[in-house]
PDB file of N, CA and C in Angstrom:
ATOM      1  N   MET A   1       0.838  -1.176   0.000  1.00  0.00           N
ATOM      2  CA  MET A   1       0.000   0.000   0.000  1.00  0.00           C
ATOM      3  C   MET A   1       0.887   1.244   0.000  1.00  0.00           C
ATOM      4  N   LYS A   2       0.500   2.215  -0.815  1.00  0.00           N
ATOM      5  CA  LYS A   2       1.254   3.468  -0.905  1.00  0.00           C
ATOM      6  C   LYS A   2       0.554   4.535  -0.071  1.00  0.00           C
ATOM      7  N   ILE A   3       1.361   5.252   0.727  1.00  0.00           N
ATOM      8  CA  ILE A   3       0.851   6.293   1.612  1.00  0.00           C
ATOM      9  C   ILE A   3       1.591   7.593   1.340  1.00  0.00           C
ATOM     10  N   LEU A   4       0.842   8.675   1.213  1.00  0.00           N
ATOM     11  CA  LEU A   4       1.409  10.011   1.073  1.00  0.00           C
ATOM     12  C   LEU A   4       1.380  10.684   2.440  1.00  0.00           C
ATOM     13  N   ILE A   5       2.553  11.081   2.926  1.00  0.00           N
ATOM     14  CA  ILE A   5       2.673  11.812   4.185  1.00  0.00           C
ATOM     15  C   ILE A   5       2.837  13.289   3.845  1.00  0.00           C
ATOM     16  N   VAL A   6       1.937  14.118   4.371  1.00  0.00           N
ATOM     17  CA  VAL A   6       1.986  15.555   4.108  1.00  0.00           C
ATOM     18  C   VAL A   6       2.144  16.292   5.432  1.00  0.00           C
ATOM     19  N   ASP A   7       3.301  16.918   5.612  1.00  0.00           N
ATOM     20  CA  ASP A   7       3.566  17.691   6.831  1.00  0.00           C
ATOM     21  C   ASP A   7       4.693  18.659   6.536  1.00  0.00           C
ATOM     22  N   ASP A   8       4.561  19.889   7.007  1.00  0.00           N
ATOM     23  CA  ASP A   8       5.611  20.874   6.775  1.00  0.00           C
ATOM     24  C   ASP A   8       6.835  20.648   7.664  1.00  0.00           C
ATOM     25  N   GLU A   9       6.691  19.854   8.703  1.00  0.00           N
ATOM     26  CA  GLU A   9       7.823  19.562   9.589  1.00  0.00           C
ATOM     27  C   GLU A   9       8.506  18.269   9.146  1.00  0.00           C
ATOM     28  N   ILE A  10       9.770  18.402   8.736  1.00  0.00           N
ATOM     29  CA  ILE A  10      10.513  17.229   8.266  1.00  0.00           C
ATOM     30  C   ILE A  10      10.625  16.172   9.358  1.00  0.00           C
ATOM     31  N   ALA A  11      10.765  16.596  10.614  1.00  0.00           N
ATOM     32  CA  ALA A  11      10.883  15.633  11.721  1.00  0.00           C
ATOM     33  C   ALA A  11       9.633  14.762  11.809  1.00  0.00           C
ATOM     34  N   MET A  12       8.462  15.360  11.624  1.00  0.00           N
ATOM     35  CA  MET A  12       7.223  14.578  11.681  1.00  0.00           C
ATOM     36  C   MET A  12       7.151  13.606  10.510  1.00  0.00           C
ATOM     37  N   ARG A  13       7.568  14.040   9.332  1.00  0.00           N
ATOM     38  CA  ARG A  13       7.578  13.122   8.181  1.00  0.00           C
ATOM     39  C   ARG A  13       8.528  11.960   8.437  1.00  0.00           C
ATOM     40  N   GLU A  14       9.678  12.252   9.021  1.00  0.00           N
ATOM     41  CA  GLU A  14      10.650  11.183   9.310  1.00  0.00           C
ATOM     42  C   GLU A  14      10.103  10.201  10.345  1.00  0.00           C
ATOM     43  N   ILE A  15       9.466  10.709  11.384  1.00  0.00           N
ATOM     44  CA  ILE A  15       8.881   9.835  12.409  1.00  0.00           C
ATOM     45  C   ILE A  15       7.831   8.926  11.774  1.00  0.00           C
ATOM     46  N   LEU A  16       6.969   9.502  10.953  1.00  0.00           N
ATOM     47  CA  LEU A  16       5.929   8.695  10.304  1.00  0.00           C
ATOM     48  C   LEU A  16       6.530   7.668   9.345  1.00  0.00           C
ATOM     49  N   LYS A  17       7.596   8.039   8.633  1.00  0.00           N
ATOM     50  CA  LYS A  17       8.239   7.071   7.731  1.00  0.00           C
ATOM     51  C   LYS A  17       8.784   5.887   8.524  1.00  0.00           C
ATOM     52  N   ILE A  18       9.349   6.151   9.689  1.00  0.00           N
ATOM     53  CA  ILE A  18       9.858   5.064  10.538  1.00  0.00           C
ATOM     54  C   ILE A  18       8.692   4.201  11.031  1.00  0.00           C
ATOM     55  N   MET A  19       7.619   4.848  11.486  1.00  0.00           N
ATOM     56  CA  MET A  19       6.451   4.103  11.978  1.00  0.00           C
ATOM     57  C   MET A  19       5.817   3.241  10.884  1.00  0.00           C
ATOM     58  N   LEU A  20       5.905   3.716   9.643  1.00  0.00           N
ATOM     59  CA  LEU A  20       5.229   3.046   8.528  1.00  0.00           C
ATOM     60  C   LEU A  20       6.213   2.383   7.580  1.00  0.00           C
ATOM     61  N   LYS A  21       7.282   1.844   8.127  1.00  0.00           N
ATOM     62  CA  LYS A  21       8.352   1.272   7.302  1.00  0.00           C
ATOM     63  C   LYS A  21       7.899   0.101   6.431  1.00  0.00           C
ATOM     64  N   ASN A  22       6.763  -0.505   6.749  1.00  0.00           N
ATOM     65  CA  ASN A  22       6.270  -1.635   5.952  1.00  0.00           C
ATOM     66  C   ASN A  22       5.401  -1.195   4.771  1.00  0.00           C
ATOM     67  N   TYR A  23       5.256   0.111   4.599  1.00  0.00           N
ATOM     68  CA  TYR A  23       4.452   0.653   3.501  1.00  0.00           C
ATOM     69  C   TYR A  23       5.349   1.402   2.515  1.00  0.00           C
ATOM     70  N   VAL A  24       4.848   1.616   1.313  1.00  0.00           N
ATOM     71  CA  VAL A  24       5.539   2.463   0.333  1.00  0.00           C
ATOM     72  C   VAL A  24       5.153   3.896   0.676  1.00  0.00           C
ATOM     73  N   ILE A  25       6.153   4.745   0.911  1.00  0.00           N
ATOM     74  CA  ILE A  25       5.907   6.106   1.370  1.00  0.00           C
ATOM     75  C   ILE A  25       6.350   7.126   0.327  1.00  0.00           C
ATOM     76  N   VAL A  26       5.487   8.096   0.085  1.00  0.00           N
ATOM     77  CA  VAL A  26       5.848   9.299  -0.672  1.00  0.00           C
ATOM     78  C   VAL A  26       5.505  10.462   0.257  1.00  0.00           C
ATOM     79  N   GLU A  27       6.127  11.624   0.027  1.00  0.00           N
ATOM     80  CA  GLU A  27       5.894  12.709   0.964  1.00  0.00           C
ATOM     81  C   GLU A  27       5.826  14.067   0.289  1.00  0.00           C
ATOM     82  N   ALA A  28       5.182  14.983   1.001  1.00  0.00           N
ATOM     83  CA  ALA A  28       5.051  16.360   0.549  1.00  0.00           C
ATOM     84  C   ALA A  28       5.153  17.265   1.776  1.00  0.00           C
ATOM     85  N   SER A  29       5.617  18.500   1.546  1.00  0.00           N
ATOM     86  CA  SER A  29       5.841  19.413   2.673  1.00  0.00           C
ATOM     87  C   SER A  29       4.772  20.499   2.803  1.00  0.00           C
ATOM     88  N   ASN A  30       3.801  20.534   1.889  1.00  0.00           N
ATOM     89  CA  ASN A  30       2.697  21.491   2.005  1.00  0.00           C
ATOM     90  C   ASN A  30       1.534  21.001   1.139  1.00  0.00           C
ATOM     91  N   GLY A  31       0.417  21.696   1.241  1.00  0.00           N
ATOM     92  CA  GLY A  31      -0.776  21.264   0.527  1.00  0.00           C
ATOM     93  C   GLY A  31      -0.656  21.290  -0.986  1.00  0.00           C
ATOM     94  N   ARG A  32      -0.013  22.332  -1.512  1.00  0.00           N
ATOM     95  CA  ARG A  32       0.158  22.425  -2.973  1.00  0.00           C
ATOM     96  C   ARG A  32       0.985  21.265  -3.501  1.00  0.00           C
ATOM     97  N   GLU A  33       2.083  20.993  -2.803  1.00  0.00           N
ATOM     98  CA  GLU A  33       2.944  19.880  -3.200  1.00  0.00           C
ATOM     99  C   GLU A  33       2.191  18.551  -3.058  1.00  0.00           C
ATOM    100  N   ALA A  34       1.355  18.456  -2.040  1.00  0.00           N
ATOM    101  CA  ALA A  34       0.574  17.231  -1.809  1.00  0.00           C
ATOM    102  C   ALA A  34      -0.319  16.909  -2.999  1.00  0.00           C
ATOM    103  N   ILE A  35      -0.971  17.921  -3.555  1.00  0.00           N
ATOM    104  CA  ILE A  35      -1.859  17.708  -4.701  1.00  0.00           C
ATOM    105  C   ILE A  35      -1.052  17.211  -5.898  1.00  0.00           C
ATOM    106  N   LYS A  36       0.091  17.835  -6.138  1.00  0.00           N
ATOM    107  CA  LYS A  36       0.959  17.440  -7.257  1.00  0.00           C
ATOM    108  C   LYS A  36       1.432  15.986  -7.087  1.00  0.00           C
ATOM    109  N   ILE A  37       1.948  15.670  -5.902  1.00  0.00           N
ATOM    110  CA  ILE A  37       2.456  14.313  -5.629  1.00  0.00           C
ATOM    111  C   ILE A  37       1.304  13.304  -5.693  1.00  0.00           C
ATOM    112  N   PHE A  38       0.144  13.679  -5.182  1.00  0.00           N
ATOM    113  CA  PHE A  38      -1.007  12.786  -5.237  1.00  0.00           C
ATOM    114  C   PHE A  38      -1.331  12.408  -6.681  1.00  0.00           C
ATOM    115  N   CYS A  39      -1.365  13.392  -7.557  1.00  0.00           N
ATOM    116  CA  CYS A  39      -1.684  13.139  -8.969  1.00  0.00           C
ATOM    117  C   CYS A  39      -0.640  12.249  -9.638  1.00  0.00           C
ATOM    118  N   GLU A  40       0.619  12.415  -9.254  1.00  0.00           N
ATOM    119  CA  GLU A  40       1.697  11.612  -9.842  1.00  0.00           C
ATOM    120  C   GLU A  40       1.731  10.191  -9.293  1.00  0.00           C
ATOM    121  N   GLU A  41       1.519  10.043  -7.996  1.00  0.00           N
ATOM    122  CA  GLU A  41       1.748   8.763  -7.310  1.00  0.00           C
ATOM    123  C   GLU A  41       0.488   7.950  -7.018  1.00  0.00           C
ATOM    124  N   ARG A  42      -0.650   8.607  -6.909  1.00  0.00           N
ATOM    125  CA  ARG A  42      -1.935   7.952  -6.613  1.00  0.00           C
ATOM    126  C   ARG A  42      -1.892   7.002  -5.409  1.00  0.00           C
ATOM    127  N   PRO A  43      -1.518   7.516  -4.237  1.00  0.00           N
ATOM    128  CA  PRO A  43      -1.515   6.667  -3.038  1.00  0.00           C
ATOM    129  C   PRO A  43      -2.938   6.299  -2.622  1.00  0.00           C
ATOM    130  N   GLU A  44      -3.060   5.218  -1.862  1.00  0.00           N
ATOM    131  CA  GLU A  44      -4.371   4.810  -1.344  1.00  0.00           C
ATOM    132  C   GLU A  44      -4.777   5.625  -0.125  1.00  0.00           C
ATOM    133  N   VAL A  45      -3.754   6.070   0.634  1.00  0.00           N
ATOM    134  CA  VAL A  45      -3.998   6.795   1.881  1.00  0.00           C
ATOM    135  C   VAL A  45      -3.136   8.050   1.904  1.00  0.00           C
ATOM    136  N   VAL A  46      -3.711   9.129   2.450  1.00  0.00           N
ATOM    137  CA  VAL A  46      -2.970  10.374   2.658  1.00  0.00           C
ATOM    138  C   VAL A  46      -3.035  10.702   4.141  1.00  0.00           C
ATOM    139  N   LEU A  47      -1.862  10.902   4.749  1.00  0.00           N
ATOM    140  CA  LEU A  47      -1.786  11.392   6.124  1.00  0.00           C
ATOM    141  C   LEU A  47      -1.532  12.889   6.012  1.00  0.00           C
ATOM    142  N   MET A  48      -2.524  13.706   6.371  1.00  0.00           N
ATOM    143  CA  MET A  48      -2.516  15.135   6.079  1.00  0.00           C
ATOM    144  C   MET A  48      -2.450  15.988   7.339  1.00  0.00           C
ATOM    145  N   ASP A  49      -1.357  16.727   7.482  1.00  0.00           N
ATOM    146  CA  ASP A  49      -1.285  17.742   8.527  1.00  0.00           C
ATOM    147  C   ASP A  49      -2.270  18.845   8.156  1.00  0.00           C
ATOM    148  N   ILE A  50      -2.777  19.575   9.132  1.00  0.00           N
ATOM    149  CA  ILE A  50      -3.737  20.633   8.835  1.00  0.00           C
ATOM    150  C   ILE A  50      -3.055  21.993   8.691  1.00  0.00           C
ATOM    151  N   MET A  51      -2.200  22.345   9.633  1.00  0.00           N
ATOM    152  CA  MET A  51      -1.581  23.671   9.648  1.00  0.00           C
ATOM    153  C   MET A  51      -0.256  23.631   8.890  1.00  0.00           C
ATOM    154  N   MET A  52      -0.254  24.188   7.665  1.00  0.00           N
ATOM    155  CA  MET A  52       0.950  24.217   6.821  1.00  0.00           C
ATOM    156  C   MET A  52       0.974  25.518   6.023  1.00  0.00           C
ATOM    157  N   PRO A  53       2.160  25.947   5.599  1.00  0.00           N
ATOM    158  CA  PRO A  53       2.253  27.134   4.745  1.00  0.00           C
ATOM    159  C   PRO A  53       1.844  26.813   3.298  1.00  0.00           C
ATOM    160  N   LEU A  54       1.671  27.842   2.498  1.00  0.00           N
ATOM    161  CA  LEU A  54       1.308  27.792   1.077  1.00  0.00           C
ATOM    162  C   LEU A  54      -0.125  27.334   0.855  1.00  0.00           C
ATOM    163  N   MET A  55      -0.472  26.146   1.345  1.00  0.00           N
ATOM    164  CA  MET A  55      -1.855  25.675   1.302  1.00  0.00           C
ATOM    165  C   MET A  55      -2.054  24.749   2.490  1.00  0.00           C
ATOM    166  N   ASP A  56      -3.059  25.043   3.306  1.00  0.00           N
ATOM    167  CA  ASP A  56      -3.268  24.210   4.490  1.00  0.00           C
ATOM    168  C   ASP A  56      -3.889  22.862   4.126  1.00  0.00           C
ATOM    169  N   GLY A  57      -3.940  21.988   5.103  1.00  0.00           N
ATOM    170  CA  GLY A  57      -4.445  20.642   4.887  1.00  0.00           C
ATOM    171  C   GLY A  57      -5.928  20.574   4.586  1.00  0.00           C
ATOM    172  N   ILE A  58      -6.679  21.570   5.040  1.00  0.00           N
ATOM    173  CA  ILE A  58      -8.114  21.587   4.771  1.00  0.00           C
ATOM    174  C   ILE A  58      -8.362  21.802   3.277  1.00  0.00           C
ATOM    175  N   LYS A  59      -7.708  22.812   2.704  1.00  0.00           N
ATOM    176  CA  LYS A  59      -7.864  23.083   1.267  1.00  0.00           C
ATOM    177  C   LYS A  59      -7.306  21.925   0.440  1.00  0.00           C
ATOM    178  N   ALA A  60      -6.146  21.398   0.837  1.00  0.00           N
ATOM    179  CA  ALA A  60      -5.532  20.293   0.091  1.00  0.00           C
ATOM    180  C   ALA A  60      -6.417  19.049   0.128  1.00  0.00           C
ATOM    181  N   THR A  61      -7.027  18.783   1.277  1.00  0.00           N
ATOM    182  CA  THR A  61      -7.926  17.632   1.397  1.00  0.00           C
ATOM    183  C   THR A  61      -9.103  17.778   0.427  1.00  0.00           C
ATOM    184  N   ALA A  62      -9.706  18.952   0.402  1.00  0.00           N
ATOM    185  CA  ALA A  62     -10.842  19.189  -0.496  1.00  0.00           C
ATOM    186  C   ALA A  62     -10.434  19.001  -1.957  1.00  0.00           C
ATOM    187  N   GLU A  63      -9.262  19.507  -2.326  1.00  0.00           N
ATOM    188  CA  GLU A  63      -8.796  19.377  -3.715  1.00  0.00           C
ATOM    189  C   GLU A  63      -8.504  17.924  -4.077  1.00  0.00           C
ATOM    190  N   ILE A  64      -7.851  17.202  -3.190  1.00  0.00           N
ATOM    191  CA  ILE A  64      -7.526  15.789  -3.451  1.00  0.00           C
ATOM    192  C   ILE A  64      -8.800  14.963  -3.561  1.00  0.00           C
ATOM    193  N   LYS A  65      -9.784  15.246  -2.723  1.00  0.00           N
ATOM    194  CA  LYS A  65     -11.058  14.512  -2.785  1.00  0.00           C
ATOM    195  C   LYS A  65     -11.808  14.793  -4.095  1.00  0.00           C
ATOM    196  N   LYS A  66     -11.620  15.986  -4.669  1.00  0.00           N
ATOM    197  CA  LYS A  66     -12.220  16.285  -5.978  1.00  0.00           C
ATOM    198  C   LYS A  66     -11.572  15.420  -7.057  1.00  0.00           C
ATOM    199  N   ILE A  67     -10.270  15.188  -6.932  1.00  0.00           N
ATOM    200  CA  ILE A  67      -9.526  14.377  -7.902  1.00  0.00           C
ATOM    201  C   ILE A  67      -9.911  12.907  -7.763  1.00  0.00           C
ATOM    202  N   ASP A  68      -9.973  12.431  -6.517  1.00  0.00           N
ATOM    203  CA  ASP A  68     -10.303  11.030  -6.256  1.00  0.00           C
ATOM    204  C   ASP A  68     -11.150  10.937  -4.991  1.00  0.00           C
ATOM    205  N   PRO A  69     -12.464  10.881  -5.146  1.00  0.00           N
ATOM    206  CA  PRO A  69     -13.344  10.827  -3.971  1.00  0.00           C
ATOM    207  C   PRO A  69     -13.146   9.579  -3.112  1.00  0.00           C
ATOM    208  N   ASN A  70     -12.496   8.550  -3.663  1.00  0.00           N
ATOM    209  CA  ASN A  70     -12.327   7.295  -2.920  1.00  0.00           C
ATOM    210  C   ASN A  70     -11.052   7.216  -2.102  1.00  0.00           C
ATOM    211  N   VAL A  71     -10.131   8.160  -2.291  1.00  0.00           N
ATOM    212  CA  VAL A  71      -8.895   8.112  -1.517  1.00  0.00           C
ATOM    213  C   VAL A  71      -9.223   8.330  -0.041  1.00  0.00           C
ATOM    214  N   LYS A  72      -8.474   7.672   0.814  1.00  0.00           N
ATOM    215  CA  LYS A  72      -8.690   7.787   2.256  1.00  0.00           C
ATOM    216  C   LYS A  72      -7.713   8.811   2.811  1.00  0.00           C
ATOM    217  N   ILE A  73      -8.252   9.819   3.486  1.00  0.00           N
ATOM    218  CA  ILE A  73      -7.421  10.885   4.052  1.00  0.00           C
ATOM    219  C   ILE A  73      -7.571  10.889   5.566  1.00  0.00           C
ATOM    220  N   ILE A  74      -6.430  10.764   6.230  1.00  0.00           N
ATOM    221  CA  ILE A  74      -6.373  10.818   7.686  1.00  0.00           C
ATOM    222  C   ILE A  74      -5.728  12.151   8.057  1.00  0.00           C
ATOM    223  N   ALA A  75      -6.484  13.007   8.721  1.00  0.00           N
ATOM    224  CA  ALA A  75      -5.946  14.291   9.176  1.00  0.00           C
ATOM    225  C   ALA A  75      -5.131  14.054  10.436  1.00  0.00           C
ATOM    226  N   ILE A  76      -3.945  14.643  10.464  1.00  0.00           N
ATOM    227  CA  ILE A  76      -3.077  14.531  11.633  1.00  0.00           C
ATOM    228  C   ILE A  76      -2.893  15.935  12.178  1.00  0.00           C
ATOM    229  N   THR A  77      -3.330  16.136  13.422  1.00  0.00           N
ATOM    230  CA  THR A  77      -3.300  17.498  13.948  1.00  0.00           C
ATOM    231  C   THR A  77      -3.283  17.561  15.458  1.00  0.00           C
ATOM    232  N   ALA A  78      -2.726  18.632  15.949  1.00  0.00           N
ATOM    233  CA  ALA A  78      -2.820  18.950  17.373  1.00  0.00           C
ATOM    234  C   ALA A  78      -4.026  19.861  17.607  1.00  0.00           C
ATOM    235  N   TYR A  79      -4.685  20.265  16.503  1.00  0.00           N
ATOM    236  CA  TYR A  79      -5.794  21.221  16.562  1.00  0.00           C
ATOM    237  C   TYR A  79      -7.137  20.559  16.273  1.00  0.00           C
ATOM    238  N   ALA A  80      -7.306  19.319  16.693  1.00  0.00           N
ATOM    239  CA  ALA A  80      -8.530  18.570  16.372  1.00  0.00           C
ATOM    240  C   ALA A  80      -9.782  19.280  16.873  1.00  0.00           C
ATOM    241  N   THR A  81      -9.720  19.875  18.043  1.00  0.00           N
ATOM    242  CA  THR A  81     -10.899  20.536  18.594  1.00  0.00           C
ATOM    243  C   THR A  81     -11.260  21.768  17.772  1.00  0.00           C
ATOM    244  N   ALA A  82     -10.263  22.566  17.429  1.00  0.00           N
ATOM    245  CA  ALA A  82     -10.505  23.818  16.708  1.00  0.00           C
ATOM    246  C   ALA A  82     -10.809  23.594  15.224  1.00  0.00           C
ATOM    247  N   LYS A  83     -10.141  22.638  14.598  1.00  0.00           N
ATOM    248  CA  LYS A  83     -10.232  22.470  13.147  1.00  0.00           C
ATOM    249  C   LYS A  83     -10.920  21.174  12.713  1.00  0.00           C
ATOM    250  N   GLY A  84     -11.316  20.358  13.665  1.00  0.00           N
ATOM    251  CA  GLY A  84     -11.868  19.039  13.349  1.00  0.00           C
ATOM    252  C   GLY A  84     -13.048  19.059  12.399  1.00  0.00           C
ATOM    253  N   ASP A  85     -14.028  19.924  12.674  1.00  0.00           N
ATOM    254  CA  ASP A  85     -15.212  19.988  11.810  1.00  0.00           C
ATOM    255  C   ASP A  85     -14.846  20.403  10.392  1.00  0.00           C
ATOM    256  N   GLN A  86     -13.926  21.374  10.269  1.00  0.00           N
ATOM    257  CA  GLN A  86     -13.527  21.858   8.949  1.00  0.00           C
ATOM    258  C   GLN A  86     -12.848  20.769   8.125  1.00  0.00           C
ATOM    259  N   ILE A  87     -11.966  20.005   8.735  1.00  0.00           N
ATOM    260  CA  ILE A  87     -11.238  18.979   7.984  1.00  0.00           C
ATOM    261  C   ILE A  87     -12.182  17.840   7.596  1.00  0.00           C
ATOM    262  N   LEU A  88     -13.135  17.510   8.444  1.00  0.00           N
ATOM    263  CA  LEU A  88     -14.102  16.470   8.096  1.00  0.00           C
ATOM    264  C   LEU A  88     -15.021  16.947   6.968  1.00  0.00           C
ATOM    265  N   GLU A  89     -15.440  18.210   7.012  1.00  0.00           N
ATOM    266  CA  GLU A  89     -16.265  18.771   5.937  1.00  0.00           C
ATOM    267  C   GLU A  89     -15.500  18.790   4.613  1.00  0.00           C
ATOM    268  N   ALA A  90     -14.177  18.968   4.689  1.00  0.00           N
ATOM    269  CA  ALA A  90     -13.349  18.990   3.476  1.00  0.00           C
ATOM    270  C   ALA A  90     -13.197  17.593   2.876  1.00  0.00           C
ATOM    271  N   GLY A  91     -13.490  16.553   3.675  1.00  0.00           N
ATOM    272  CA  GLY A  91     -13.437  15.200   3.135  1.00  0.00           C
ATOM    273  C   GLY A  91     -12.547  14.218   3.868  1.00  0.00           C
ATOM    274  N   ALA A  92     -11.941  14.645   4.962  1.00  0.00           N
ATOM    275  CA  ALA A  92     -11.101  13.697   5.722  1.00  0.00           C
ATOM    276  C   ALA A  92     -11.970  12.554   6.241  1.00  0.00           C
ATOM    277  N   ASP A  93     -11.371  11.361   6.263  1.00  0.00           N
ATOM    278  CA  ASP A  93     -12.088  10.172   6.719  1.00  0.00           C
ATOM    279  C   ASP A  93     -11.893   9.898   8.201  1.00  0.00           C
ATOM    280  N   PHE A  94     -10.842  10.488   8.777  1.00  0.00           N
ATOM    281  CA  PHE A  94     -10.488  10.190  10.166  1.00  0.00           C
ATOM    282  C   PHE A  94      -9.578  11.301  10.663  1.00  0.00           C
ATOM    283  N   ILE A  95      -9.650  11.603  11.956  1.00  0.00           N
ATOM    284  CA  ILE A  95      -8.730  12.576  12.563  1.00  0.00           C
ATOM    285  C   ILE A  95      -7.882  11.848  13.593  1.00  0.00           C
ATOM    286  N   LEU A  96      -6.574  11.980  13.450  1.00  0.00           N
ATOM    287  CA  LEU A  96      -5.608  11.408  14.383  1.00  0.00           C
ATOM    288  C   LEU A  96      -4.976  12.570  15.132  1.00  0.00           C
ATOM    289  N   LYS A  97      -5.134  12.575  16.444  1.00  0.00           N
ATOM    290  CA  LYS A  97      -4.642  13.681  17.255  1.00  0.00           C
ATOM    291  C   LYS A  97      -3.170  13.485  17.624  1.00  0.00           C
ATOM    292  N   LYS A  98      -2.397  14.566  17.463  1.00  0.00           N
ATOM    293  CA  LYS A  98      -1.005  14.564  17.929  1.00  0.00           C
ATOM    294  C   LYS A  98      -1.032  14.817  19.434  1.00  0.00           C
ATOM    295  N   PRO A  99      -0.146  14.200  20.213  1.00  0.00           N
ATOM    296  CA  PRO A  99       0.798  13.159  19.801  1.00  0.00           C
ATOM    297  C   PRO A  99       0.076  11.821  19.647  1.00  0.00           C
ATOM    298  N   PHE A 100       0.675  10.938  18.848  1.00  0.00           N
ATOM    299  CA  PHE A 100       0.071   9.635  18.591  1.00  0.00           C
ATOM    300  C   PHE A 100       1.151   8.567  18.660  1.00  0.00           C
ATOM    301  N   THR A 101       0.716   7.324  18.780  1.00  0.00           N
ATOM    302  CA  THR A 101       1.641   6.195  18.819  1.00  0.00           C
ATOM    303  C   THR A 101       1.634   5.497  17.466  1.00  0.00           C
ATOM    304  N   ARG A 102       2.611   4.657  17.246  1.00  0.00           N
ATOM    305  CA  ARG A 102       2.665   3.861  16.015  1.00  0.00           C
ATOM    306  C   ARG A 102       1.384   3.029  15.890  1.00  0.00           C
ATOM    307  N   ARG A 103       0.974   2.422  16.981  1.00  0.00           N
ATOM    308  CA  ARG A 103      -0.229   1.596  16.962  1.00  0.00           C
ATOM    309  C   ARG A 103      -1.446   2.406  16.514  1.00  0.00           C
ATOM    310  N   GLU A 104      -1.577   3.641  17.009  1.00  0.00           N
ATOM    311  CA  GLU A 104      -2.713   4.479  16.625  1.00  0.00           C
ATOM    312  C   GLU A 104      -2.693   4.808  15.130  1.00  0.00           C
ATOM    313  N   VAL A 105      -1.508   5.059  14.583  1.00  0.00           N
ATOM    314  CA  VAL A 105      -1.393   5.353  13.150  1.00  0.00           C
ATOM    315  C   VAL A 105      -1.795   4.131  12.327  1.00  0.00           C
ATOM    316  N   ILE A 106      -1.258   2.970  12.688  1.00  0.00           N
ATOM    317  CA  ILE A 106      -1.563   1.728  11.970  1.00  0.00           C
ATOM    318  C   ILE A 106      -3.060   1.418  12.062  1.00  0.00           C
ATOM    319  N   GLU A 107      -3.636   1.580  13.246  1.00  0.00           N
ATOM    320  CA  GLU A 107      -5.063   1.311  13.426  1.00  0.00           C
ATOM    321  C   GLU A 107      -5.913   2.264  12.590  1.00  0.00           C
ATOM    322  N   ALA A 108      -5.521   3.537  12.520  1.00  0.00           N
ATOM    323  CA  ALA A 108      -6.262   4.510  11.702  1.00  0.00           C
ATOM    324  C   ALA A 108      -6.227   4.083  10.227  1.00  0.00           C
ATOM    325  N   ILE A 109      -5.075   3.649   9.751  1.00  0.00           N
ATOM    326  CA  ILE A 109      -4.946   3.199   8.356  1.00  0.00           C
ATOM    327  C   ILE A 109      -5.824   1.971   8.120  1.00  0.00           C
ATOM    328  N   LYS A 110      -5.781   1.014   9.042  1.00  0.00           N
ATOM    329  CA  LYS A 110      -6.628  -0.175   8.924  1.00  0.00           C
ATOM    330  C   LYS A 110      -8.108   0.184   8.930  1.00  0.00           C
ATOM    331  N   ASN A 111      -8.481   1.110   9.796  1.00  0.00           N
ATOM    332  CA  ASN A 111      -9.887   1.504   9.902  1.00  0.00           C
ATOM    333  C   ASN A 111     -10.410   2.132   8.624  1.00  0.00           C
ATOM    334  N   VAL A 112      -9.628   2.998   8.010  1.00  0.00           N
ATOM    335  CA  VAL A 112     -10.129   3.684   6.804  1.00  0.00           C
ATOM    336  C   VAL A 112     -10.040   2.832   5.546  1.00  0.00           C
ATOM    337  N   THR A 113      -9.084   1.896   5.505  1.00  0.00           N
ATOM    338  CA  THR A 113      -8.920   1.090   4.296  1.00  0.00           C
ATOM    339  C   THR A 113      -9.589  -0.276   4.390  1.00  0.00           C
ATOM    340  N   GLY A 114      -9.780  -0.757   5.612  1.00  0.00           N
ATOM    341  CA  GLY A 114     -10.297  -2.110   5.786  1.00  0.00           C
ATOM    342  C   GLY A 114      -9.239  -3.161   5.520  1.00  0.00           C
ATOM    343  N   LYS A 115      -7.972  -2.722   5.375  1.00  0.00           N
ATOM    344  CA  LYS A 115      -6.860  -3.641   5.113  1.00  0.00           C
ATOM    345  C   LYS A 115      -5.910  -3.683   6.289  1.00  0.00           C
ATOM    346  N   THR A 116      -5.205  -4.797   6.425  1.00  0.00           N
ATOM    347  CA  THR A 116      -4.216  -4.908   7.496  1.00  0.00           C
ATOM    348  C   THR A 116      -2.833  -4.624   6.978  1.00  0.00           C
TER     349      THR A 116
END
């Protein structure tokens, strides 16, 4: 399974790559780049940070869902209370609150895809 990790913090992308070492990983550092990489790579799952420069995760989620309504998007944020409704309205399938464990990330992926 291919997963797109979208986060402006390189440390967070690296942590997620380590947690998801059994998956094929592609990454982007902002929402605009995420849309471009999504179109090129067509991952099954997108792990989307919400607060990013250039284009936030809410706008990027809405754009990616227009391209492929079936892609599964997991929002990753420390702002779930403040931004949760907006990201779900944009099309996110699940919200994962920071900080999170490897188990929580894997379970979120399993929940949205139905795959182990």
